[in-house]
N, C-alpha and C. Protein backbone atom coordinates (compact mmCIF):
# COMPACT_ATOMS: atom_id res chain seq x y z
N MET A 1 148.26 64.35 116.20
CA MET A 1 147.06 64.67 116.95
C MET A 1 146.86 66.18 117.07
N ARG A 2 147.95 66.87 117.24
CA ARG A 2 147.86 68.31 117.41
C ARG A 2 147.36 68.97 116.12
N ASN A 3 147.80 68.47 114.98
CA ASN A 3 147.36 69.02 113.70
C ASN A 3 145.84 68.83 113.51
N ILE A 4 145.37 67.71 113.95
CA ILE A 4 143.93 67.43 113.83
C ILE A 4 143.13 68.42 114.68
N GLU A 5 143.63 68.72 115.87
CA GLU A 5 142.96 69.70 116.74
C GLU A 5 142.96 71.08 116.09
N ARG A 6 144.08 71.47 115.48
CA ARG A 6 144.15 72.76 114.80
C ARG A 6 143.19 72.82 113.62
N ILE A 7 143.17 71.75 112.85
CA ILE A 7 142.28 71.70 111.69
C ILE A 7 140.82 71.78 112.16
N THR A 8 140.51 71.07 113.21
CA THR A 8 139.15 71.12 113.75
C THR A 8 138.81 72.52 114.24
N SER A 9 139.76 73.15 114.91
CA SER A 9 139.55 74.50 115.41
C SER A 9 139.34 75.49 114.25
N VAL A 10 140.17 75.38 113.22
CA VAL A 10 140.04 76.27 112.07
C VAL A 10 138.70 76.02 111.36
N LYS A 11 138.32 74.77 111.22
CA LYS A 11 137.03 74.45 110.60
C LYS A 11 135.89 75.06 111.40
N SER A 12 135.99 74.94 112.71
CA SER A 12 134.96 75.49 113.57
C SER A 12 134.87 77.01 113.43
N GLU A 13 136.02 77.67 113.40
CA GLU A 13 136.04 79.13 113.23
C GLU A 13 135.45 79.54 111.89
N LEU A 14 135.83 78.81 110.84
CA LEU A 14 135.30 79.11 109.51
C LEU A 14 133.78 78.93 109.47
N LEU A 15 133.30 77.88 110.10
CA LEU A 15 131.87 77.65 110.16
C LEU A 15 131.17 78.79 110.91
N ASP A 16 131.74 79.22 112.03
CA ASP A 16 131.18 80.33 112.79
C ASP A 16 131.14 81.61 111.94
N ILE A 17 132.21 81.88 111.22
CA ILE A 17 132.26 83.06 110.36
C ILE A 17 131.19 82.97 109.28
N PHE A 18 131.11 81.82 108.64
CA PHE A 18 130.11 81.63 107.59
C PHE A 18 128.70 81.83 108.13
N MET A 19 128.41 81.25 109.28
CA MET A 19 127.07 81.37 109.86
C MET A 19 126.76 82.82 110.23
N SER A 20 127.73 83.55 110.75
CA SER A 20 127.47 84.94 111.11
C SER A 20 127.23 85.78 109.85
N ILE A 21 127.93 85.48 108.77
CA ILE A 21 127.70 86.18 107.50
C ILE A 21 126.29 85.89 107.01
N GLU A 22 125.89 84.64 107.07
CA GLU A 22 124.54 84.26 106.64
C GLU A 22 123.49 84.99 107.47
N VAL A 23 123.69 85.06 108.77
CA VAL A 23 122.74 85.73 109.64
C VAL A 23 122.69 87.22 109.30
N ASP A 24 123.84 87.84 109.11
CA ASP A 24 123.88 89.27 108.76
C ASP A 24 123.17 89.54 107.44
N GLU A 25 123.38 88.68 106.46
CA GLU A 25 122.71 88.84 105.16
C GLU A 25 121.20 88.69 105.31
N HIS A 26 120.79 87.74 106.13
CA HIS A 26 119.35 87.53 106.35
C HIS A 26 118.73 88.76 107.02
N VAL A 27 119.41 89.28 108.01
CA VAL A 27 118.91 90.48 108.70
C VAL A 27 118.82 91.65 107.72
N GLN A 28 119.84 91.81 106.89
CA GLN A 28 119.84 92.90 105.91
C GLN A 28 118.68 92.73 104.91
N ARG A 29 118.43 91.52 104.45
CA ARG A 29 117.32 91.28 103.52
C ARG A 29 115.98 91.60 104.17
N ARG A 30 115.82 91.20 105.42
CA ARG A 30 114.57 91.50 106.13
C ARG A 30 114.40 92.99 106.32
N ARG A 31 115.48 93.68 106.66
CA ARG A 31 115.43 95.13 106.85
C ARG A 31 115.07 95.83 105.54
N SER A 32 115.68 95.41 104.46
CA SER A 32 115.39 95.99 103.14
C SER A 32 113.94 95.74 102.74
N ALA A 33 113.45 94.55 102.99
CA ALA A 33 112.06 94.23 102.66
C ALA A 33 111.10 95.09 103.48
N ALA A 34 111.41 95.29 104.74
CA ALA A 34 110.56 96.12 105.59
C ALA A 34 110.55 97.57 105.10
N GLN A 35 111.72 98.07 104.70
CA GLN A 35 111.79 99.44 104.18
C GLN A 35 111.00 99.58 102.89
N ARG A 36 111.11 98.61 101.99
CA ARG A 36 110.34 98.65 100.74
C ARG A 36 108.85 98.64 101.04
N SER A 37 108.45 97.82 101.98
CA SER A 37 107.04 97.72 102.35
C SER A 37 106.54 99.05 102.92
N LEU A 38 107.33 99.67 103.78
CA LEU A 38 106.94 100.96 104.35
C LEU A 38 106.85 102.05 103.29
N ARG A 39 107.81 102.06 102.34
CA ARG A 39 107.77 103.05 101.26
C ARG A 39 106.53 102.85 100.39
N ALA A 40 106.21 101.59 100.11
CA ALA A 40 105.02 101.31 99.30
C ALA A 40 103.76 101.74 100.03
N ARG A 41 103.68 101.43 101.31
CA ARG A 41 102.50 101.81 102.09
C ARG A 41 102.36 103.33 102.14
N ARG A 42 103.48 104.02 102.35
CA ARG A 42 103.42 105.50 102.39
C ARG A 42 103.03 106.06 101.03
N GLY A 43 103.49 105.45 99.95
CA GLY A 43 103.12 105.89 98.62
C GLY A 43 101.62 105.75 98.39
N ILE A 44 101.06 104.65 98.84
CA ILE A 44 99.61 104.45 98.72
C ILE A 44 98.87 105.48 99.56
N GLU A 45 99.34 105.73 100.77
CA GLU A 45 98.69 106.72 101.63
C GLU A 45 98.73 108.11 100.98
N LEU A 46 99.89 108.48 100.42
CA LEU A 46 99.99 109.78 99.75
C LEU A 46 99.05 109.87 98.56
N HIS A 47 98.97 108.80 97.78
CA HIS A 47 98.07 108.78 96.63
C HIS A 47 96.63 109.01 97.09
N ARG A 48 96.22 108.33 98.13
CA ARG A 48 94.85 108.49 98.65
C ARG A 48 94.63 109.89 99.21
N GLU A 49 95.64 110.45 99.89
CA GLU A 49 95.52 111.81 100.41
C GLU A 49 95.34 112.81 99.27
N PHE A 50 96.11 112.66 98.19
CA PHE A 50 95.98 113.56 97.05
C PHE A 50 94.61 113.41 96.38
N GLN A 51 94.13 112.18 96.28
CA GLN A 51 92.79 111.98 95.71
C GLN A 51 91.74 112.67 96.56
N LYS A 52 91.84 112.52 97.87
CA LYS A 52 90.87 113.14 98.77
C LYS A 52 90.95 114.66 98.68
N LEU A 53 92.17 115.18 98.66
CA LEU A 53 92.32 116.64 98.53
C LEU A 53 91.74 117.14 97.22
N SER A 54 91.96 116.41 96.15
CA SER A 54 91.40 116.80 94.85
C SER A 54 89.88 116.84 94.91
N ARG A 55 89.30 115.85 95.54
CA ARG A 55 87.83 115.84 95.67
C ARG A 55 87.36 116.98 96.56
N ASP A 56 88.10 117.23 97.65
CA ASP A 56 87.69 118.26 98.60
C ASP A 56 87.77 119.66 98.00
N ILE A 57 88.76 119.91 97.17
CA ILE A 57 88.92 121.27 96.64
C ILE A 57 88.28 121.46 95.27
N ALA A 58 87.78 120.39 94.67
CA ALA A 58 87.13 120.50 93.37
C ALA A 58 85.83 121.28 93.54
N PRO A 59 85.52 122.18 92.60
CA PRO A 59 84.27 122.94 92.72
C PRO A 59 83.07 122.01 92.56
N LEU A 60 82.06 122.30 93.33
CA LEU A 60 80.84 121.50 93.24
C LEU A 60 80.06 121.92 92.01
N PRO A 61 79.33 121.01 91.38
CA PRO A 61 78.58 121.35 90.17
C PRO A 61 77.61 122.51 90.38
N ASP A 62 76.92 122.57 91.52
CA ASP A 62 75.97 123.66 91.79
C ASP A 62 76.70 125.00 91.90
N ASP A 63 77.88 124.98 92.51
CA ASP A 63 78.65 126.21 92.66
C ASP A 63 79.07 126.77 91.31
N GLU A 64 79.46 125.92 90.38
CA GLU A 64 79.88 126.36 89.06
C GLU A 64 78.73 127.03 88.32
N GLU A 65 77.55 126.40 88.36
CA GLU A 65 76.39 126.96 87.68
C GLU A 65 76.00 128.29 88.29
N GLN A 66 76.07 128.37 89.61
CA GLN A 66 75.70 129.60 90.30
C GLN A 66 76.68 130.72 89.95
N GLN A 67 77.97 130.42 89.91
CA GLN A 67 78.97 131.43 89.58
C GLN A 67 78.80 131.91 88.15
N GLU A 68 78.50 131.02 87.22
CA GLU A 68 78.31 131.40 85.83
C GLU A 68 77.09 132.28 85.68
N SER A 69 76.02 131.98 86.37
CA SER A 69 74.81 132.80 86.26
C SER A 69 75.03 134.18 86.86
N GLU A 70 75.84 134.25 87.89
CA GLU A 70 76.14 135.56 88.50
C GLU A 70 76.99 136.42 87.57
N LEU A 71 77.85 135.79 86.79
CA LEU A 71 78.73 136.51 85.86
C LEU A 71 77.94 137.06 84.67
N HIS A 72 76.87 136.41 84.26
CA HIS A 72 76.14 136.84 83.05
C HIS A 72 74.99 137.66 83.41
């Protein structure tokens, strides 16, 4: 009877260990997915910021013509 109790106890401990490992892996996967999502979102934001800056600092067509006429 005592051996059965020990075996049951060991089985229970092993199950607890296994479940905690599974939970830790799940948490790590969720954390990694969240980080990837944030990096992707920030990459998109940076791309849009660079596009906007390029448009904002690009010379306007009228300005180019005016500068060329002033030079000649």
